[in-house]
Amino acid sequence: MPAAILARIRDGDPAFWKSATRSAPIVAQVVLAAIIGVGWLGLNGCSFCFGTVFWYLVAAAIIVPAAAGLAVGPMLLRAESPRRRGVGLAVAGLAVLMVVSGLFYALIFLPWFENT
């Protein structure tokens, strides 16, 4: 199954790549808003957010939207429309990008906030 999806990406026509390129900035904002929203919802009701609980909430805020993006992306990549496949590529790629950047953010900057 992944080989079939990769073959469809390699054999993409110009409409596929055009829609993937043009939808990437919009999809990035939606995925980032989902990460911020899940983080806010997790930290909003938590009065004891420090230590291990804080790290679990940060991990959930990064993983939940990324898992949703990695579930929706391959579904859209199986569509017949090249525009839907392009949006699916943008969703899946940006979900991976947000996980990597969220991991770097969590490892570099969050220990400073935890000590204050």
Protein backbone atom coordinates (compact mmCIF):
# COMPACT_ATOMS: atom_id res chain seq x y z
CA MET A 1 0.00 0.00 0.00
CA PRO A 2 2.71 2.60 0.77
CA ALA A 3 4.40 1.68 -2.52
CA ALA A 4 1.19 2.50 -4.40
CA ILE A 5 0.88 5.86 -2.67
CA LEU A 6 4.54 6.67 -3.36
CA ALA A 7 4.06 5.72 -7.02
CA ARG A 8 1.11 8.11 -7.25
CA ILE A 9 3.23 10.88 -5.75
CA ARG A 10 6.09 10.23 -8.19
CA ASP A 11 3.73 10.16 -11.16
CA GLY A 12 1.93 13.35 -10.14
CA ASP A 13 0.85 15.70 -12.87
CA PRO A 14 1.34 19.50 -12.76
CA ALA A 15 -2.10 20.05 -11.18
CA PHE A 16 -1.09 17.76 -8.32
CA TRP A 17 2.13 19.63 -7.60
CA LYS A 18 0.45 23.01 -8.08
CA SER A 19 -2.24 22.23 -5.51
CA ALA A 20 0.31 20.73 -3.09
CA THR A 21 2.47 23.86 -3.33
CA ARG A 22 -0.38 26.34 -3.03
CA SER A 23 -2.17 24.58 -0.19
CA ALA A 24 0.92 24.09 1.98
CA PRO A 25 0.87 27.56 3.66
CA ILE A 26 -2.82 27.25 4.48
CA VAL A 27 -2.50 23.70 5.78
CA ALA A 28 0.51 24.72 7.88
CA GLN A 29 -1.58 27.34 9.65
CA VAL A 30 -4.39 24.85 10.30
CA VAL A 31 -2.01 22.22 11.71
CA LEU A 32 -0.23 24.81 13.87
CA ALA A 33 -3.59 26.13 15.12
CA ALA A 34 -4.58 22.57 16.05
CA ILE A 35 -1.34 22.14 18.00
CA ILE A 36 -1.85 25.43 19.82
CA GLY A 37 -5.52 24.61 20.46
CA VAL A 38 -4.83 21.18 21.92
CA GLY A 39 -2.05 22.64 24.07
CA TRP A 40 -4.30 25.43 25.30
CA LEU A 41 -7.13 23.03 26.11
CA GLY A 42 -4.75 20.77 28.00
CA LEU A 43 -3.09 23.54 29.98
CA ASN A 44 -6.23 25.62 30.57
CA GLY A 45 -7.86 23.28 33.09
CA CYS A 46 -4.64 22.20 34.77
CA SER A 47 -3.65 24.12 37.89
CA PHE A 48 -0.75 21.78 38.68
CA CYS A 49 1.01 21.95 35.31
CA PHE A 50 4.65 21.49 36.20
CA GLY A 51 7.12 18.66 36.06
CA THR A 52 6.07 15.45 34.39
CA VAL A 53 2.45 16.49 33.81
CA PHE A 54 3.64 19.50 31.82
CA TRP A 55 5.76 17.31 29.55
CA TYR A 56 2.86 14.90 28.96
CA LEU A 57 0.60 17.79 27.96
CA VAL A 58 3.22 19.16 25.58
CA ALA A 59 3.67 15.73 24.02
CA ALA A 60 -0.09 15.34 23.60
CA ALA A 61 -0.35 18.79 22.03
CA ILE A 62 2.23 17.79 19.44
CA ILE A 63 1.21 14.18 18.82
CA VAL A 64 -2.61 14.46 18.57
CA PRO A 65 -2.77 16.91 15.61
CA ALA A 66 0.14 15.14 13.90
CA ALA A 67 -1.61 11.79 14.17
CA ALA A 68 -4.76 13.34 12.74
CA GLY A 69 -2.76 14.83 9.86
CA LEU A 70 -1.03 11.54 9.19
CA ALA A 71 -4.42 9.82 9.12
CA VAL A 72 -6.10 12.35 6.82
CA GLY A 73 -3.14 12.82 4.46
CA PRO A 74 -2.96 9.25 3.10
CA MET A 75 -6.75 9.16 2.75
CA LEU A 76 -6.59 12.23 0.52
CA LEU A 77 -3.62 10.81 -1.37
CA ARG A 78 -5.81 7.90 -2.50
CA ALA A 79 -8.34 10.24 -4.15
CA GLU A 80 -8.73 10.38 -7.91
CA SER A 81 -8.65 14.18 -8.08
CA PRO A 82 -5.13 15.61 -8.42
CA ARG A 83 -6.08 18.57 -6.26
CA ARG A 84 -7.19 16.36 -3.40
CA ARG A 85 -4.03 14.32 -3.72
CA GLY A 86 -2.00 17.55 -3.60
CA VAL A 87 -3.75 18.68 -0.44
CA GLY A 88 -3.19 15.22 1.04
CA LEU A 89 0.53 15.49 0.35
CA ALA A 90 0.59 18.92 1.99
CA VAL A 91 -1.30 17.67 5.06
CA ALA A 92 0.93 14.62 5.56
CA GLY A 93 4.16 16.51 4.93
CA LEU A 94 3.29 19.38 7.22
CA ALA A 95 2.18 17.02 9.99
CA VAL A 96 5.65 15.48 9.92
CA LEU A 97 7.24 18.93 9.80
CA MET A 98 5.24 20.13 12.80
CA VAL A 99 6.24 17.06 14.83
CA VAL A 100 9.92 17.67 14.13
CA SER A 101 9.71 21.40 14.87
CA GLY A 102 7.59 20.74 17.97
CA LEU A 103 10.15 18.25 19.19
CA PHE A 104 12.95 20.78 18.77
CA TYR A 105 10.86 23.43 20.53
CA ALA A 106 10.08 21.09 23.41
CA LEU A 107 13.69 20.03 23.87
CA ILE A 108 15.29 23.47 23.51
CA PHE A 109 12.91 26.09 24.90
CA LEU A 110 10.52 24.40 27.31
CA PRO A 111 13.11 23.59 30.01
CA TRP A 112 13.61 27.35 30.38
CA PHE A 113 9.90 27.88 31.02
CA GLU A 114 9.73 25.00 33.46
CA ASN A 115 12.43 26.50 35.73
CA THR A 116 10.78 29.91 36.04
